[in-house]
Amino acid sequence: MEEPAEIRVGRGQRLAEAVREDLDLYGMVELEERIELLEAEIARVRAHIDRKRAGRAAADALFSSRPA
């Protein structure tokens, strides 16, 4: 018998679902933990943006310094 195919989750879908989650179901400690996780994710995303900006700046510098 075939196993069911794994369902692929779209990019950002889990985050979109988390944002719509009913927060009334959580206690104060759980909400504070959620904030810590979200702040850590924000820091991770900002660091990734910084790396991408640095890579882009390096590429721009490399290709803009060539003589015409």
N, C-alpha and C. Protein backbone atom coordinates (compact mmCIF):
# COMPACT_ATOMS: atom_id res chain seq x y z
N MET A 1 0.84 -1.18 0.00
CA MET A 1 0.00 0.00 0.00
C MET A 1 0.89 1.25 0.00
N GLU A 2 0.51 2.23 -0.78
CA GLU A 2 1.29 3.46 -0.89
C GLU A 2 1.10 4.34 0.34
N GLU A 3 2.21 4.96 0.74
CA GLU A 3 2.12 5.94 1.83
C GLU A 3 1.63 7.26 1.25
N PRO A 4 0.86 8.01 2.01
CA PRO A 4 0.38 9.30 1.48
C PRO A 4 1.55 10.24 1.24
N ALA A 5 1.43 11.01 0.18
CA ALA A 5 2.48 11.97 -0.16
C ALA A 5 2.54 13.05 0.92
N GLU A 6 3.74 13.50 1.20
CA GLU A 6 3.92 14.56 2.19
C GLU A 6 3.34 15.86 1.64
N ILE A 7 2.56 16.52 2.44
CA ILE A 7 1.96 17.79 2.02
C ILE A 7 2.99 18.89 2.15
N ARG A 8 3.20 19.62 1.08
CA ARG A 8 4.17 20.71 1.09
C ARG A 8 3.51 21.97 1.61
N VAL A 9 4.19 22.62 2.52
CA VAL A 9 3.69 23.86 3.10
C VAL A 9 4.34 25.01 2.33
N GLY A 10 3.52 25.95 1.92
CA GLY A 10 4.02 27.10 1.17
C GLY A 10 4.92 27.98 2.00
N ARG A 11 5.78 28.71 1.32
CA ARG A 11 6.71 29.62 1.98
C ARG A 11 5.94 30.66 2.78
N GLY A 12 6.22 30.77 4.06
CA GLY A 12 5.58 31.75 4.91
C GLY A 12 4.21 31.34 5.43
N GLN A 13 3.72 30.17 5.01
CA GLN A 13 2.38 29.75 5.41
C GLN A 13 2.28 29.51 6.91
N ARG A 14 3.29 28.89 7.50
CA ARG A 14 3.25 28.63 8.95
C ARG A 14 3.23 29.93 9.74
N LEU A 15 4.00 30.91 9.28
CA LEU A 15 4.02 32.20 9.96
C LEU A 15 2.65 32.86 9.85
N ALA A 16 2.05 32.81 8.67
CA ALA A 16 0.72 33.40 8.49
C ALA A 16 -0.30 32.72 9.39
N GLU A 17 -0.19 31.41 9.55
CA GLU A 17 -1.10 30.69 10.44
C GLU A 17 -0.87 31.09 11.90
N ALA A 18 0.38 31.26 12.29
CA ALA A 18 0.70 31.63 13.67
C ALA A 18 0.16 33.02 14.00
N VAL A 19 0.16 33.91 13.03
CA VAL A 19 -0.30 35.27 13.27
C VAL A 19 -1.81 35.31 13.50
N ARG A 20 -2.51 34.36 12.90
CA ARG A 20 -3.98 34.31 13.06
C ARG A 20 -4.42 33.47 14.26
N GLU A 21 -3.47 32.88 14.96
CA GLU A 21 -3.79 32.01 16.08
C GLU A 21 -4.50 32.76 17.21
N ASP A 22 -5.45 32.11 17.85
CA ASP A 22 -6.20 32.71 18.95
C ASP A 22 -5.32 32.76 20.20
N LEU A 23 -4.96 33.95 20.62
CA LEU A 23 -4.07 34.12 21.76
C LEU A 23 -4.78 33.95 23.09
N ASP A 24 -6.11 33.95 23.08
CA ASP A 24 -6.87 33.75 24.32
C ASP A 24 -6.61 32.37 24.92
N LEU A 25 -6.13 31.45 24.13
CA LEU A 25 -5.89 30.09 24.59
C LEU A 25 -4.60 29.96 25.38
N TYR A 26 -3.77 30.99 25.37
CA TYR A 26 -2.47 30.96 26.02
C TYR A 26 -2.50 31.65 27.38
N GLY A 27 -1.66 31.17 28.29
CA GLY A 27 -1.46 31.83 29.57
C GLY A 27 -0.38 32.89 29.43
N MET A 28 -0.19 33.67 30.49
CA MET A 28 0.79 34.75 30.45
C MET A 28 2.20 34.24 30.18
N VAL A 29 2.60 33.16 30.85
CA VAL A 29 3.95 32.63 30.65
C VAL A 29 4.13 32.18 29.21
N GLU A 30 3.12 31.53 28.66
CA GLU A 30 3.21 31.07 27.27
C GLU A 30 3.29 32.25 26.30
N LEU A 31 2.55 33.31 26.60
CA LEU A 31 2.60 34.50 25.74
C LEU A 31 3.97 35.17 25.81
N GLU A 32 4.56 35.21 27.01
CA GLU A 32 5.91 35.78 27.14
C GLU A 32 6.93 34.94 26.39
N GLU A 33 6.79 33.62 26.45
CA GLU A 33 7.68 32.74 25.69
C GLU A 33 7.51 32.95 24.20
N ARG A 34 6.28 33.16 23.78
CA ARG A 34 5.99 33.40 22.37
C ARG A 34 6.68 34.68 21.91
N ILE A 35 6.61 35.72 22.74
CA ILE A 35 7.28 36.99 22.41
C ILE A 35 8.78 36.78 22.28
N GLU A 36 9.38 36.02 23.20
CA GLU A 36 10.82 35.74 23.12
C GLU A 36 11.17 35.03 21.82
N LEU A 37 10.36 34.07 21.44
CA LEU A 37 10.60 33.35 20.18
C LEU A 37 10.48 34.29 18.98
N LEU A 38 9.46 35.12 19.00
CA LEU A 38 9.26 36.05 17.89
C LEU A 38 10.39 37.07 17.81
N GLU A 39 10.84 37.56 18.96
CA GLU A 39 11.97 38.51 18.96
C GLU A 39 13.24 37.85 18.45
N ALA A 40 13.46 36.60 18.81
CA ALA A 40 14.62 35.87 18.31
C ALA A 40 14.51 35.68 16.79
N GLU A 41 13.31 35.43 16.31
CA GLU A 41 13.12 35.27 14.86
C GLU A 41 13.34 36.59 14.14
N ILE A 42 12.89 37.68 14.73
CA ILE A 42 13.12 38.99 14.14
C ILE A 42 14.62 39.27 14.04
N ALA A 43 15.36 38.97 15.09
CA ALA A 43 16.81 39.17 15.07
C ALA A 43 17.47 38.30 14.01
N ARG A 44 17.00 37.07 13.87
CA ARG A 44 17.55 36.16 12.85
C ARG A 44 17.29 36.69 11.44
N VAL A 45 16.09 37.19 11.21
CA VAL A 45 15.74 37.72 9.90
C VAL A 45 16.54 38.99 9.61
N ARG A 46 16.67 39.86 10.61
CA ARG A 46 17.46 41.10 10.41
C ARG A 46 18.91 40.78 10.09
N ALA A 47 19.48 39.78 10.76
CA ALA A 47 20.87 39.38 10.48
C ALA A 47 20.98 38.85 9.05
N HIS A 48 19.99 38.12 8.62
CA HIS A 48 20.01 37.59 7.25
C HIS A 48 19.90 38.72 6.22
N ILE A 49 19.07 39.70 6.51
CA ILE A 49 18.96 40.87 5.64
C ILE A 49 20.30 41.59 5.56
N ASP A 50 20.97 41.76 6.69
CA ASP A 50 22.28 42.42 6.71
C ASP A 50 23.29 41.66 5.85
N ARG A 51 23.28 40.32 5.94
CA ARG A 51 24.19 39.52 5.11
C ARG A 51 23.88 39.70 3.63
N LYS A 52 22.60 39.73 3.30
CA LYS A 52 22.22 39.91 1.90
C LYS A 52 22.62 41.30 1.39
N ARG A 53 22.41 42.31 2.24
CA ARG A 53 22.81 43.67 1.85
C ARG A 53 24.31 43.76 1.62
N ALA A 54 25.09 43.11 2.50
CA ALA A 54 26.55 43.13 2.36
C ALA A 54 26.96 42.42 1.07
N GLY A 55 26.32 41.31 0.79
CA GLY A 55 26.63 40.60 -0.46
C GLY A 55 26.27 41.42 -1.68
N ARG A 56 25.14 42.08 -1.61
CA ARG A 56 24.71 42.93 -2.73
C ARG A 56 25.67 44.10 -2.91
N ALA A 57 26.08 44.72 -1.79
CA ALA A 57 27.00 45.85 -1.86
C ALA A 57 28.35 45.41 -2.45
N ALA A 58 28.80 44.23 -2.07
CA ALA A 58 30.06 43.71 -2.61
C ALA A 58 29.94 43.47 -4.11
N ALA A 59 28.82 42.91 -4.54
CA ALA A 59 28.61 42.66 -5.98
C ALA A 59 28.51 43.98 -6.73
N ASP A 60 27.78 44.93 -6.18
CA ASP A 60 27.67 46.24 -6.83
C ASP A 60 29.03 46.91 -6.95
N ALA A 61 29.84 46.82 -5.89
CA ALA A 61 31.17 47.42 -5.93
C ALA A 61 32.05 46.74 -6.97
N LEU A 62 31.94 45.43 -7.07
CA LEU A 62 32.74 44.70 -8.04
C LEU A 62 32.38 45.06 -9.46
N PHE A 63 31.11 45.11 -9.76
CA PHE A 63 30.68 45.32 -11.14
C PHE A 63 30.62 46.80 -11.52
N SER A 64 30.53 47.70 -10.57
CA SER A 64 30.50 49.11 -10.90
C SER A 64 31.91 49.70 -11.05
N SER A 65 32.93 48.95 -10.60
CA SER A 65 34.29 49.46 -10.69
C SER A 65 34.95 49.12 -12.01
N ARG A 66 34.28 48.37 -12.86
CA ARG A 66 34.86 48.03 -14.17
C ARG A 66 34.81 49.24 -15.10
N PRO A 67 35.88 49.42 -15.86
CA PRO A 67 35.89 50.54 -16.82
C PRO A 67 34.90 50.28 -17.96
N ALA A 68 34.33 51.34 -18.47
CA ALA A 68 33.32 51.21 -19.54
C ALA A 68 33.93 50.99 -20.88
